[in-house]
C-alpha atoms as a PDB file:
ATOM      1  CA  UNK A   1      -9.200   7.236  -9.039  1.00  0.00           C
ATOM      2  CA  UNK A   2      -7.309   4.001  -9.077  1.00  0.00           C
ATOM      3  CA  UNK A   3      -3.804   3.276  -7.642  1.00  0.00           C
ATOM      4  CA  UNK A   4      -1.630   0.229  -7.070  1.00  0.00           C
ATOM      5  CA  UNK A   5      -0.427  -0.138  -3.507  1.00  0.00           C
ATOM      6  CA  UNK A   6       2.744  -2.105  -3.190  1.00  0.00           C
ATOM      7  CA  UNK A   7       4.131  -3.677   0.067  1.00  0.00           C
ATOM      8  CA  UNK A   8       7.526  -4.770   1.050  1.00  0.00           C
ATOM      9  CA  UNK A   9       9.128  -6.867   3.685  1.00  0.00           C
ATOM     10  CA  UNK A  10       7.048  -7.268   6.879  1.00  0.00           C
ATOM     11  CA  UNK A  11       4.128  -5.271   5.542  1.00  0.00           C
ATOM     12  CA  UNK A  12       3.821  -7.762   2.614  1.00  0.00           C
ATOM     13  CA  UNK A  13       3.873 -10.653   5.193  1.00  0.00           C
ATOM     14  CA  UNK A  14       1.120  -9.058   7.328  1.00  0.00           C
ATOM     15  CA  UNK A  15      -1.193  -8.281   4.305  1.00  0.00           C
ATOM     16  CA  UNK A  16      -0.371 -11.633   2.560  1.00  0.00           C
ATOM     17  CA  UNK A  17       0.228  -9.947  -0.713  1.00  0.00           C
ATOM     18  CA  UNK A  18       2.850  -7.844  -2.462  1.00  0.00           C
ATOM     19  CA  UNK A  19       0.323  -5.476  -4.155  1.00  0.00           C
ATOM     20  CA  UNK A  20      -3.256  -4.508  -4.270  1.00  0.00           C
ATOM     21  CA  UNK A  21      -5.476  -2.148  -6.049  1.00  0.00           C
ATOM     22  CA  UNK A  22      -6.849   0.885  -4.372  1.00  0.00           C
ATOM     23  CA  UNK A  23      -9.673   3.127  -5.109  1.00  0.00           C
ATOM     24  CA  UNK A  24      -9.249   6.825  -3.709  1.00  0.00           C
ATOM     25  CA  UNK A  25     -10.979  10.021  -4.409  1.00  0.00           C
ATOM     26  CA  UNK A  26      -9.364  12.627  -6.781  1.00  0.00           C
ATOM     27  CA  UNK A  27      -6.670  14.491  -5.086  1.00  0.00           C
ATOM     28  CA  UNK A  28      -6.079  11.891  -2.397  1.00  0.00           C
ATOM     29  CA  UNK A  29      -2.676  11.748  -0.749  1.00  0.00           C
ATOM     30  CA  UNK A  30      -0.146   9.033   0.129  1.00  0.00           C
ATOM     31  CA  UNK A  31      -1.628   9.245   3.695  1.00  0.00           C
ATOM     32  CA  UNK A  32      -5.163   8.358   2.404  1.00  0.00           C
ATOM     33  CA  UNK A  33      -3.631   5.276   0.516  1.00  0.00           C
ATOM     34  CA  UNK A  34      -2.008   4.285   3.868  1.00  0.00           C
ATOM     35  CA  UNK A  35      -5.344   4.741   5.692  1.00  0.00           C
ATOM     36  CA  UNK A  36      -7.080   2.474   3.026  1.00  0.00           C
ATOM     37  CA  UNK A  37      -4.347  -0.124   3.722  1.00  0.00           C
ATOM     38  CA  UNK A  38      -4.913   0.248   7.412  1.00  0.00           C
ATOM     39  CA  UNK A  39      -8.742  -0.325   7.118  1.00  0.00           C
ATOM     40  CA  UNK A  40      -7.961  -3.626   5.202  1.00  0.00           C
ATOM     41  CA  UNK A  41      -4.974  -4.851   7.263  1.00  0.00           C
ATOM     42  CA  UNK A  42      -5.050  -3.232  10.836  1.00  0.00           C
ATOM     43  CA  UNK A  43      -1.968  -5.353  11.882  1.00  0.00           C
ATOM     44  CA  UNK A  44       0.344  -2.921   9.645  1.00  0.00           C
ATOM     45  CA  UNK A  45      -0.495   0.010  11.952  1.00  0.00           C
ATOM     46  CA  UNK A  46       2.597  -0.729  14.187  1.00  0.00           C
ATOM     47  CA  UNK A  47       4.871   0.376  11.343  1.00  0.00           C
ATOM     48  CA  UNK A  48       3.227   3.831  10.685  1.00  0.00           C
ATOM     49  CA  UNK A  49       5.754   5.843  12.638  1.00  0.00           C
ATOM     50  CA  UNK A  50       8.914   4.298  10.930  1.00  0.00           C
ATOM     51  CA  UNK A  51       7.545   3.901   7.449  1.00  0.00           C
ATOM     52  CA  UNK A  52       8.892   5.224   4.197  1.00  0.00           C
ATOM     53  CA  UNK A  53       6.656   5.691   1.100  1.00  0.00           C
ATOM     54  CA  UNK A  54       7.288   6.202  -2.612  1.00  0.00           C
ATOM     55  CA  UNK A  55       5.026   7.208  -5.455  1.00  0.00           C
ATOM     56  CA  UNK A  56       6.074   5.484  -8.722  1.00  0.00           C
ATOM     57  CA  UNK A  57       9.894   5.289  -8.267  1.00  0.00           C
ATOM     58  CA  UNK A  58      10.426   8.454  -6.188  1.00  0.00           C
ATOM     59  CA  UNK A  59      10.404   8.583  -2.304  1.00  0.00           C
ATOM     60  CA  UNK A  60       7.250  10.636  -1.293  1.00  0.00           C
ATOM     61  CA  UNK A  61       5.846  12.429   1.809  1.00  0.00           C
ATOM     62  CA  UNK A  62       2.487  11.323   3.170  1.00  0.00           C
ATOM     63  CA  UNK A  63       1.252  14.674   2.004  1.00  0.00           C
ATOM     64  CA  UNK A  64       2.046  13.990  -1.614  1.00  0.00           C
ATOM     65  CA  UNK A  65      -1.035  14.108  -3.818  1.00  0.00           C
ATOM     66  CA  UNK A  66      -1.753  10.995  -6.087  1.00  0.00           C
ATOM     67  CA  UNK A  67      -2.856  10.830  -9.566  1.00  0.00           C
ATOM     68  CA  UNK A  68      -4.873   7.996 -11.385  1.00  0.00           C
ATOM     69  CA  UNK A  69      -2.702   5.027 -12.134  1.00  0.00           C
ATOM     70  CA  UNK A  70       0.083   5.941  -9.620  1.00  0.00           C
ATOM     71  CA  UNK A  71       1.877   3.234  -7.781  1.00  0.00           C
ATOM     72  CA  UNK A  72       2.217   3.849  -4.048  1.00  0.00           C
ATOM     73  CA  UNK A  73       4.887   1.780  -2.222  1.00  0.00           C
ATOM     74  CA  UNK A  74       5.087   1.385   1.428  1.00  0.00           C
ATOM     75  CA  UNK A  75       8.537   0.332   2.926  1.00  0.00           C
ATOM     76  CA  UNK A  76       8.938  -0.569   6.474  1.00  0.00           C
ATOM     77  CA  UNK A  77      12.490  -0.446   8.110  1.00  0.00           C
ATOM     78  CA  UNK A  78      14.553  -3.468   7.280  1.00  0.00           C
ATOM     79  CA  UNK A  79      17.189  -5.035   9.415  1.00  0.00           C
ATOM     80  CA  UNK A  80      20.199  -7.156   8.667  1.00  0.00           C
ATOM     81  CA  UNK A  81      23.117  -6.778   6.255  1.00  0.00           C
ATOM     82  CA  UNK A  82      26.120  -4.470   6.664  1.00  0.00           C
ATOM     83  CA  UNK A  83      24.012  -1.273   7.204  1.00  0.00           C
ATOM     84  CA  UNK A  84      25.741   0.475   4.155  1.00  0.00           C
ATOM     85  CA  UNK A  85      22.615   0.378   1.879  1.00  0.00           C
ATOM     86  CA  UNK A  86      19.700   2.848   2.451  1.00  0.00           C
ATOM     87  CA  UNK A  87      16.038   1.700   2.806  1.00  0.00           C
ATOM     88  CA  UNK A  88      14.722   0.989  -0.615  1.00  0.00           C
ATOM     89  CA  UNK A  89      17.983   0.622  -2.408  1.00  0.00           C
ATOM     90  CA  UNK A  90      17.871  -2.111  -5.028  1.00  0.00           C
ATOM     91  CA  UNK A  91      14.059  -1.372  -5.327  1.00  0.00           C
ATOM     92  CA  UNK A  92      14.536   1.276  -7.981  1.00  0.00           C
ATOM     93  CA  UNK A  93      13.349   3.994  -5.690  1.00  0.00           C
ATOM     94  CA  UNK A  94      14.910   7.520  -6.021  1.00  0.00           C
ATOM     95  CA  UNK A  95      14.914  10.349  -3.515  1.00  0.00           C
ATOM     96  CA  UNK A  96      14.267  13.062  -6.075  1.00  0.00           C
ATOM     97  CA  UNK A  97      12.489  16.105  -4.665  1.00  0.00           C
ATOM     98  CA  UNK A  98      13.147  15.251  -0.901  1.00  0.00           C
ATOM     99  CA  UNK A  99      16.042  17.559  -0.310  1.00  0.00           C
ATOM    100  CA  UNK A 100      18.906  15.404   0.681  1.00  0.00           C
ATOM    101  CA  UNK A 101      17.467  11.936   1.466  1.00  0.00           C
ATOM    102  CA  UNK A 102      20.200   9.503   0.481  1.00  0.00           C
ATOM    103  CA  UNK A 103      19.577   6.571  -1.642  1.00  0.00           C
ATOM    104  CA  UNK A 104      21.454   4.098  -3.685  1.00  0.00           C
ATOM    105  CA  UNK A 105      23.676   5.853  -6.337  1.00  0.00           C
ATOM    106  CA  UNK A 106      23.068   3.380  -9.107  1.00  0.00           C
ATOM    107  CA  UNK A 107      20.877   5.634 -11.364  1.00  0.00           C
END
């Protein structure tokens, strides 16, 4: 199946692109999309333990199953600013289904 992998902040810098296509087997997970990215750009590995992911516009766990056409976003931690906005706020990403993960209240 085909997915689009979107990268933000330092991940985008390390990969040299904001998005790239990915081919994964049916039933693949967000983790498998991350592993595909690691094979292409090993330098992103240092962010694995502090990374957030989203499928389409919802935050997702690495065990989330993907479907053909999904958009998988990987968001490293970001520094700066006042510290009052959550990671991913302003990117249109929601926390639905994650049981209490806070995000921007704009939707």
